Each structure stands twice: as C-alpha cells, then as structure tokens.
Protein backbone atom coordinates (compact mmCIF):
# COMPACT_ATOMS: atom_id res chain seq x y z
CA MET A 1 0.00 -0.07 0.00
CA LYS A 2 1.03 3.65 -0.64
CA ILE A 3 0.25 5.17 2.87
CA TRP A 4 0.36 8.99 3.91
CA ILE A 5 0.56 9.98 7.54
CA VAL A 6 -0.59 13.53 7.93
CA GLN A 7 0.42 15.65 10.94
CA ASP A 8 0.74 19.49 11.37
CA ARG A 9 4.27 19.53 12.87
CA LEU A 10 6.66 17.16 14.34
CA ARG A 11 6.93 18.71 17.84
CA SER A 12 7.78 16.61 20.77
CA GLY A 13 4.16 15.44 21.91
CA GLY A 14 2.84 11.84 22.23
CA THR A 15 0.77 12.03 19.05
CA GLU A 16 3.91 13.16 17.08
CA ARG A 17 5.93 10.21 18.50
CA GLN A 18 3.36 7.83 17.59
CA THR A 19 3.36 9.21 13.97
CA VAL A 20 7.17 8.50 13.85
CA LEU A 21 6.67 5.07 15.27
CA LEU A 22 3.81 4.18 12.72
CA ALA A 23 5.76 5.59 9.84
CA ARG A 24 8.73 3.31 10.64
CA ALA A 25 6.55 0.28 11.29
CA PHE A 26 4.58 0.76 8.04
CA THR A 27 7.85 1.06 6.04
CA ASP A 28 9.39 -1.90 7.69
CA ALA A 29 6.28 -3.83 6.74
CA GLY A 30 7.03 -3.09 2.95
CA HIS A 31 4.51 -0.21 2.55
CA ALA A 32 5.52 3.01 0.72
CA THR A 33 4.95 5.51 3.48
CA THR A 34 5.30 9.25 3.45
CA VAL A 35 4.98 11.73 6.43
CA VAL A 36 3.30 14.83 5.28
CA THR A 37 3.46 17.88 7.67
CA PHE A 38 1.94 21.30 7.35
CA ARG A 39 4.97 23.08 9.14
CA PRO A 40 8.60 22.26 8.55
CA GLY A 41 10.96 21.47 11.49
CA GLY A 42 10.04 20.33 14.83
CA VAL A 43 12.30 18.52 17.33
CA LEU A 44 11.18 14.99 15.86
CA ALA A 45 11.84 15.93 12.21
CA THR A 46 15.32 14.71 12.30
CA THR A 47 14.18 11.21 13.41
CA LEU A 48 12.49 10.84 9.86
CA ALA A 49 15.93 11.23 8.06
CA THR A 50 15.63 7.88 6.35
CA LEU A 51 11.95 8.21 5.55
CA PRO A 52 10.10 10.30 3.02
CA HIS A 53 8.81 13.56 4.47
CA ARG A 54 7.24 16.49 2.95
CA ALA A 55 6.48 19.85 4.56
CA LEU A 56 3.95 21.86 2.78
CA GLN A 57 4.83 25.35 4.15
CA PRO A 58 8.06 26.38 2.33
CA PHE A 59 9.05 28.26 5.53
CA ASP A 60 7.54 28.00 9.09
CA THR A 61 4.76 30.40 9.28
CA GLY A 62 4.08 29.26 12.89
CA LEU A 63 0.39 28.46 11.75
CA ASN A 64 -0.50 24.85 12.80
CA TRP A 65 -3.70 24.91 10.71
CA PHE A 66 -2.13 26.19 7.43
CA ALA A 67 -1.71 23.40 4.88
CA PRO A 68 -0.95 25.13 1.58
CA GLY A 69 -1.30 22.79 -1.45
CA LEU A 70 -2.45 19.66 0.56
CA VAL A 71 -5.03 18.57 -1.94
CA ARG A 72 -2.98 19.79 -4.88
CA TYR A 73 -0.08 17.58 -3.81
CA ALA A 74 -2.30 14.58 -2.76
CA ARG A 75 -4.07 14.29 -6.03
CA PRO A 76 -1.19 13.18 -8.24
CA ALA A 77 0.46 11.26 -5.43
CA SER A 78 -2.89 9.16 -5.20
CA PRO A 79 -2.14 7.36 -1.92
CA ASP A 80 -4.21 4.29 -1.08
CA VAL A 81 -4.65 5.37 2.49
CA VAL A 82 -4.30 8.71 4.32
CA LEU A 83 -4.07 8.57 8.09
CA CYS A 84 -4.58 11.97 9.90
CA MET A 85 -2.84 12.32 13.14
CA GLY A 86 -3.60 15.11 15.60
CA ARG A 87 -6.32 17.87 15.75
CA MET A 88 -5.16 20.06 12.91
CA ALA A 89 -4.62 17.16 10.45
CA ASN A 90 -8.09 15.89 11.29
CA CYS A 91 -9.60 19.27 10.46
CA HIS A 92 -8.48 18.65 6.80
CA ALA A 93 -9.40 15.08 6.78
CA GLY A 94 -12.86 15.65 5.44
CA ARG A 95 -11.48 17.85 2.60
CA LEU A 96 -9.03 15.05 1.60
CA ALA A 97 -11.77 12.55 1.68
CA ARG A 98 -13.89 14.69 -0.71
CA ALA A 99 -11.04 15.37 -3.15
CA LEU A 100 -9.71 11.85 -3.13
CA PRO A 101 -12.66 9.50 -3.62
CA SER A 102 -10.66 6.54 -4.45
CA THR A 103 -8.36 6.87 -1.30
CA ILE A 104 -9.14 5.52 2.14
CA VAL A 105 -9.08 8.53 4.46
CA VAL A 106 -8.92 7.57 8.20
CA GLY A 107 -9.27 9.95 11.04
CA THR A 108 -8.17 9.67 14.56
CA LEU A 109 -9.18 10.88 17.82
CA ARG A 110 -6.19 11.16 20.18
CA THR A 111 -6.94 14.15 22.43
CA GLY A 112 -9.22 15.09 25.33
CA LYS A 113 -9.31 18.70 24.14
CA PRO A 114 -12.50 20.13 22.55
CA LEU A 115 -12.67 19.54 18.78
CA PRO A 116 -12.69 22.39 16.43
CA GLY A 117 -15.65 22.70 13.94
CA PRO A 118 -13.74 21.35 10.87
CA PHE A 119 -12.53 18.35 12.94
CA ARG A 120 -16.24 17.50 14.00
CA ARG A 121 -17.44 17.80 10.42
CA SER A 122 -14.61 15.59 9.13
CA LEU A 123 -15.76 12.91 11.37
CA HIS A 124 -18.67 12.37 8.96
CA HIS A 125 -16.80 12.29 5.68
CA VAL A 126 -13.90 9.97 6.38
CA ALA A 127 -14.00 6.24 5.81
CA HIS A 128 -13.19 5.45 9.51
CA VAL A 129 -12.10 6.88 12.76
CA VAL A 130 -9.49 5.31 15.14
CA ALA A 131 -9.79 6.29 18.81
CA ASN A 132 -6.74 5.49 21.03
CA SER A 133 -9.10 4.67 23.96
CA ALA A 134 -12.44 3.18 24.52
CA GLU A 135 -13.33 6.52 26.16
CA SER A 136 -12.56 8.41 23.16
CA ALA A 137 -14.51 5.85 20.91
CA ASP A 138 -17.57 6.16 23.24
CA LEU A 139 -17.29 10.08 22.78
CA LEU A 140 -17.30 9.66 19.00
CA THR A 141 -20.49 7.77 18.90
CA ARG A 142 -22.24 9.42 21.95
CA ALA A 143 -21.43 13.03 21.52
CA HIS A 144 -20.44 13.31 17.71
CA GLY A 145 -22.79 10.82 16.12
CA VAL A 146 -20.39 8.63 14.45
CA PRO A 147 -21.75 5.19 13.69
CA ALA A 148 -20.04 2.64 15.99
CA GLU A 149 -19.32 0.47 12.90
CA ARG A 150 -17.04 3.30 11.64
CA VAL A 151 -14.94 3.49 14.90
CA SER A 152 -12.06 1.30 15.89
CA VAL A 153 -10.08 1.40 19.23
CA ILE A 154 -6.35 0.95 18.79
CA HIS A 155 -4.28 1.94 21.75
CA ASN A 156 -1.04 3.95 21.80
CA ALA A 157 2.08 1.79 21.54
CA LEU A 158 5.19 1.87 23.60
CA VAL A 159 7.55 4.48 21.87
CA PHE A 160 10.42 3.72 24.25
CA PRO A 161 9.90 0.02 25.12
CA PRO A 162 12.41 -1.45 27.57
CA ALA A 163 14.77 -4.24 26.46
CA PRO A 164 12.91 -7.43 26.15
CA ALA A 165 15.43 -9.52 28.22
CA GLY A 166 16.07 -8.43 31.74
CA ASP A 167 15.31 -5.23 33.68
CA PRO A 168 18.22 -2.91 34.42
CA LYS A 169 18.72 -1.77 37.90
CA ARG A 170 17.90 1.75 39.03
CA ASP A 171 20.08 4.34 37.23
CA GLU A 172 21.92 5.81 40.27
CA ALA A 173 24.17 8.00 38.05
CA VAL A 174 21.11 9.85 36.65
CA ARG A 175 19.71 10.24 40.19
CA SER A 176 23.11 11.47 41.49
CA ARG A 177 23.22 14.22 38.77
CA GLN A 178 20.01 15.60 40.19
CA GLY A 179 21.14 15.48 43.82
CA ALA A 180 18.94 12.45 44.76
CA GLY A 181 20.48 10.25 47.17
CA PRO A 182 19.72 6.48 47.78
CA GLY A 183 16.85 7.14 49.97
CA THR A 184 15.26 9.89 47.92
CA ARG A 185 12.00 9.04 46.39
CA VAL A 186 11.84 10.40 42.77
CA LEU A 187 8.28 11.20 41.38
CA LEU A 188 8.42 11.56 37.55
CA CYS A 189 6.16 13.18 34.94
CA VAL A 190 7.23 13.51 31.36
CA GLY A 191 5.08 15.59 28.90
CA MET A 192 4.95 18.95 27.45
CA LEU A 193 4.41 21.76 30.01
CA ARG A 194 1.13 23.17 28.99
CA PRO A 195 -1.89 24.26 31.04
CA GLU A 196 -3.89 21.25 30.31
CA LYS A 197 -1.12 18.86 31.52
CA ASN A 198 -1.64 20.54 34.96
CA GLN A 199 1.95 20.14 36.25
CA ARG A 200 1.16 22.84 38.71
CA ALA A 201 -1.14 20.39 40.60
CA LEU A 202 1.77 17.98 40.92
CA ILE A 203 3.87 20.70 42.54
CA GLU A 204 1.08 21.43 45.03
CA ILE A 205 0.65 17.86 45.86
CA ALA A 206 4.23 17.12 46.29
CA ALA A 207 4.69 20.25 48.49
CA GLY A 208 2.10 18.73 50.87
CA LEU A 209 4.20 15.46 51.39
CA GLY A 210 6.22 16.83 54.13
CA GLU A 211 9.90 16.00 54.61
CA THR A 212 9.74 12.27 55.17
CA PRO A 213 10.66 10.25 53.29
CA PRO A 214 12.74 12.79 51.26
CA TRP A 215 11.43 13.39 47.65
CA GLN A 216 12.12 14.96 44.47
CA LEU A 217 9.58 15.87 41.60
CA TRP A 218 11.04 15.59 38.15
CA LEU A 219 9.28 17.43 35.39
CA ALA A 220 10.65 16.55 31.85
CA GLY A 221 9.42 18.69 28.92
CA GLU A 222 9.10 22.19 27.65
CA GLY A 223 6.19 24.46 27.17
CA SER A 224 4.46 27.59 27.92
CA ALA A 225 3.45 26.64 31.45
CA ARG A 226 7.09 26.10 32.53
CA ALA A 227 7.72 29.70 33.95
CA GLY A 228 4.44 29.51 36.07
CA CYS A 229 5.36 26.13 37.46
CA GLU A 230 8.90 27.34 38.41
CA ALA A 231 7.37 30.44 40.16
CA LEU A 232 4.85 28.16 41.99
CA ALA A 233 7.67 25.73 43.16
CA ASP A 234 9.60 28.84 44.53
CA ARG A 235 6.48 30.19 46.23
CA LEU A 236 5.60 26.97 47.94
CA GLY A 237 9.23 26.61 49.19
CA VAL A 238 10.09 23.39 47.26
CA ALA A 239 12.14 24.85 44.40
CA ASP A 240 15.09 22.90 45.65
CA ARG A 241 13.24 19.70 45.15
CA VAL A 242 11.40 20.22 41.95
CA ARG A 243 13.59 19.59 38.84
CA PHE A 244 12.79 21.03 35.49
CA LEU A 245 14.72 18.76 33.02
CA GLY A 246 13.59 20.16 29.68
CA PHE A 247 12.78 18.31 26.46
CA GLN A 248 14.08 14.64 26.50
CA ALA A 249 14.59 12.99 23.16
CA ASP A 250 14.68 9.71 24.93
CA PRO A 251 13.23 9.60 28.60
CA THR A 252 14.32 6.12 29.15
CA PRO A 253 17.15 7.04 31.64
CA LEU A 254 14.58 8.94 33.67
CA TYR A 255 12.31 5.97 33.77
CA ARG A 256 15.10 3.84 35.07
CA ALA A 257 16.00 6.40 37.63
CA ALA A 258 12.63 7.28 39.06
CA ASP A 259 10.34 5.61 41.78
CA VAL A 260 6.83 6.51 40.87
CA ALA A 261 5.00 8.03 37.75
CA VAL A 262 2.60 10.93 38.40
CA LEU A 263 0.21 12.67 36.17
CA ALA A 264 -2.53 15.35 36.92
CA SER A 265 -3.52 16.05 33.41
CA ARG A 266 -7.02 17.48 32.75
CA ALA A 267 -7.07 16.38 28.99
CA GLU A 268 -5.66 13.08 28.24
CA SER A 269 -7.03 10.54 25.74
CA LEU A 270 -4.44 7.97 26.41
CA SER A 271 -1.17 8.81 28.08
CA ASN A 272 1.95 7.62 26.34
CA PHE A 273 3.96 8.61 29.50
CA LEU A 274 2.01 6.21 31.88
CA ILE A 275 2.37 3.41 29.37
CA GLU A 276 6.00 3.82 29.04
CA ALA A 277 6.66 4.40 32.82
CA GLN A 278 4.82 1.42 33.70
CA ALA A 279 6.67 -0.66 31.05
CA HIS A 280 9.93 0.37 32.91
CA GLY A 281 8.54 -0.78 36.26
CA LEU A 282 7.16 2.29 37.77
CA PRO A 283 3.76 2.19 39.72
CA ALA A 284 1.71 5.15 38.52
CA VAL A 285 -0.63 7.59 40.30
CA ALA A 286 -2.84 9.77 38.03
CA TYR A 287 -6.04 11.73 38.04
CA ALA A 288 -8.87 10.08 35.95
CA ALA A 289 -8.93 11.94 32.61
CA GLY A 290 -10.25 10.45 29.21
CA GLY A 291 -8.55 7.10 28.88
CA VAL A 292 -6.24 7.26 31.90
CA ALA A 293 -8.18 4.38 33.45
CA GLU A 294 -7.36 2.19 30.50
CA CYS A 295 -3.47 2.41 30.90
CA ILE A 296 -3.51 1.89 34.70
CA GLN A 297 -4.92 -1.23 36.46
CA ASP A 298 -6.30 0.59 39.56
CA GLY A 299 -5.18 -1.01 42.67
CA VAL A 300 -2.73 -3.32 41.00
CA THR A 301 -0.30 -1.18 38.74
CA GLY A 302 -1.05 2.08 40.40
CA ARG A 303 -3.91 4.28 41.45
CA VAL A 304 -6.55 6.34 39.29
CA VAL A 305 -7.85 9.25 41.42
CA PRO A 306 -10.90 11.34 40.85
CA PRO A 307 -9.99 14.61 39.23
CA GLY A 308 -8.94 17.39 41.67
CA ASP A 309 -8.97 15.04 44.79
CA THR A 310 -5.50 16.19 46.03
CA GLY A 311 -6.12 14.40 49.32
CA THR A 312 -6.55 10.91 47.77
CA PHE A 313 -3.84 11.53 45.18
CA ARG A 314 -1.29 12.40 48.03
CA ALA A 315 -2.37 9.50 50.20
CA ALA A 316 -1.99 7.00 47.21
CA LEU A 317 1.37 8.49 46.42
CA ARG A 318 2.55 8.50 50.16
CA GLY A 319 1.71 4.67 50.23
CA TYR A 320 4.20 3.98 47.40
CA LEU A 321 6.75 6.28 48.76
CA GLU A 322 6.77 4.81 52.18
CA SER A 323 6.53 1.04 51.33
CA ASP A 324 9.42 -0.55 49.53
CA ALA A 325 7.31 -3.64 49.17
CA LEU A 326 4.30 -2.08 47.77
CA ARG A 327 6.18 -0.10 45.37
CA ALA A 328 8.08 -3.10 44.04
CA ASP A 329 4.94 -5.24 43.74
CA ALA A 330 3.09 -2.66 41.92
CA GLY A 331 6.07 -2.00 39.64
CA GLN A 332 6.28 -5.65 38.76
CA GLU A 333 2.74 -5.75 37.79
CA ALA A 334 2.96 -2.54 35.87
CA ARG A 335 5.93 -3.77 33.87
CA ARG A 336 4.00 -7.11 32.91
CA PHE A 337 0.70 -5.25 32.11
CA ALA A 338 2.18 -2.40 29.88
CA ARG A 339 4.47 -4.48 27.89
CA ALA A 340 1.77 -6.99 26.99
CA ALA A 341 -1.09 -4.50 26.48
CA PHE A 342 0.89 -1.78 24.41
CA ASP A 343 3.20 -3.83 22.33
CA PRO A 344 4.15 -1.52 19.16
CA ARG A 345 3.98 -4.62 16.92
CA ARG A 346 0.46 -5.17 17.84
CA GLN A 347 -0.58 -1.63 17.15
CA ALA A 348 0.99 -1.44 13.69
CA GLN A 349 -0.58 -4.58 12.78
CA ALA A 350 -3.89 -3.39 13.84
CA TYR A 351 -3.59 -0.32 11.69
CA LEU A 352 -2.59 -2.35 8.59
CA ALA A 353 -5.36 -4.78 9.11
CA LEU A 354 -7.98 -2.08 9.42
CA PHE A 355 -6.49 -0.47 6.08
CA ALA A 356 -6.68 -3.62 4.23
CA ARG A 357 -10.35 -4.40 5.38
CA LEU A 358 -11.49 -0.87 4.42
CA ARG A 359 -9.77 -1.25 0.95
CA ARG A 360 -11.63 -4.64 0.60
CA GLN A 361 -15.03 -3.09 1.44
CA ARG A 362 -14.56 -0.40 -1.38
C-alpha cells in the first residue's frame, strides 16, 4: 500500500511520537509510507531522516492549521490510505476525503481537548475513525454521532519500550546528577508543559508530602507553562526539590532512575507517558482523565484518582513512597501489564489490518 501519515508539525508530543513510530513500522512492513506535515521542522523531524517526509509550508509560518497545497499535492500522489494524526490534520481530513474519492481517509481521535468545527465535520466524511481509547470511542458515537461500525479502538504503543530481556537496576548516576540520594523518592512526569497537562497540581501535591521520606519531583518537557510552574515551586518553598529537566529526546534514563510516575492532566485521551513508565517498572498515580483508566490497572499497577482530589492523590502517592514492598509489587505488575497490552507490533498490525479491510470493502 501507498500510505500517507498527515501531521501538522513534528513537535515533541505523544501524537507526534506515535506518527514517527507508525511511519517506521509501516515502512518496515513493506509499505511505501510518506509523512506529510504542514509546518517544517520540529524536534522530531530529524528522526525521519531515512523516511520520505514532505513539509507543505516552504518556511515555518507558525500556523498549525495552514496546509498550503495539501489537496494539490495529494491528487497526483494518489495514496491508497491517508491517516490523519492530531487535531489540525483531522480538520483537513474531510476535505481530503472529498477530493480523493478512491483513497481511504482515516481520521483519529487522540486528544481530550475540545474538537474544532472542521474536525467535527470531518468525522462524518472519512471512511473510518481510530480512537486511541475506549473512552474516546464512546465520545465519538455518543457526542459526535459517528456510527459505531465506523469506529475502532487502537491503543497507543510503547515508543520507548524497555529491553525485552532483563530489567536494568535503578540508574543511580542519573539520580546523583539531580542530587537524589539512595533514600530519595523520585516522582516523575514526562510531557509538554502546557496548562492542560496541569503540572502545577503535581507541584502542589508534592509540596504537601512533608519532609519524610525525602522526595524530588522531576518534570521533563518544555512548554508555555514552565515559567508559571517554576514560580509556583519557589512560592511553595520546594524549588530545591522540583527539577525541570527540559525536553528529553529519549526519557528512558529517567524511567530507570525514578520511583513513581505521576500525572495530573486534565485532557488526556491515552497517556504515552504512563504506558512507558509502567513498562519500565514504575507504579503510577494519576487523575482520571479520558482514557487514563485504560492504561493503569487501578489498585494493581497504580492508582486512578478522581480529578481534583488532592487528598486521595497524596495518600496514594505516600503509600508507594513509604513502602518499598508495595512499590516493588506494583512496579512488577505494571511492567508485565504495559509490555503486553501496548506492544508496538500489535498496534502497527492493527492499523494495517484495518486499512486492508477498508480497501476490501470499497
């Protein structure tokens, strides 16, 4: 098959990482795959060095929605399948479906944010919609009127899977560089620092943990909310225990160095971070948002907490911090669960099987 994957820009988010993973998997499976982005550049653009990549904007206008020449370029290329990833790409999915009647155009829902009008309209023109969680699939049918037979659930895959054989010991060198001693409990959150990711809540929760056991909160990522988070940590008197680690091209060393994964996001279809952290043996504590409950086995691999319930979140977190046995048992179950449920080979095969079925139905 000739497959296009359309994305507005290859920034550092979870959807963009899934785009790169799928492009590689489809290519490895023998399919001619091209990644088409609206904007050039982005921190993940260099990871496509060996794969076909076309940016529509000749220079970066800074406009995520601007896709000049998208249809004009698509018509002569005549892809068999177009997979739209991210909100902005899905805003153009309906236009692509109308302009390319012989092409299978597949939309996706991978966000907990409100959908723009063009995205909502496109849902009714594409051949199929892939949701990355059952929660999102239910939203498509219940709130947006997409027939259930035109919706599939394909979960995110592990972008940074741990080595299949054996599990490395905790990375003490990484901890030492951040000033975390052997007894320090490291809480980790990896994700773009945006208001909806709500890292501010994590700082507030951690600040209420007290002095014992000693802890650090590591926030890996960049974004518009960073300055506000830094100011909050300073105001709460915990700036010496909150580490802002910036963008991480590969957060694997952080997973190997941390003790507990934490997430307070308000808009989360399915969390790549929680999946990856658990695959590396970290128990997780997270607010319930979108499909979060689908990537944690509540009470087994971690805890899913009602949104905004800081007391319950802090109590759950304290249990893992204070009990080595509880943390180890949950981490072992988390490793087993995440590696089995979010295997990247399974995800790629599910997409390719869907594309083949939709082509047969034409």
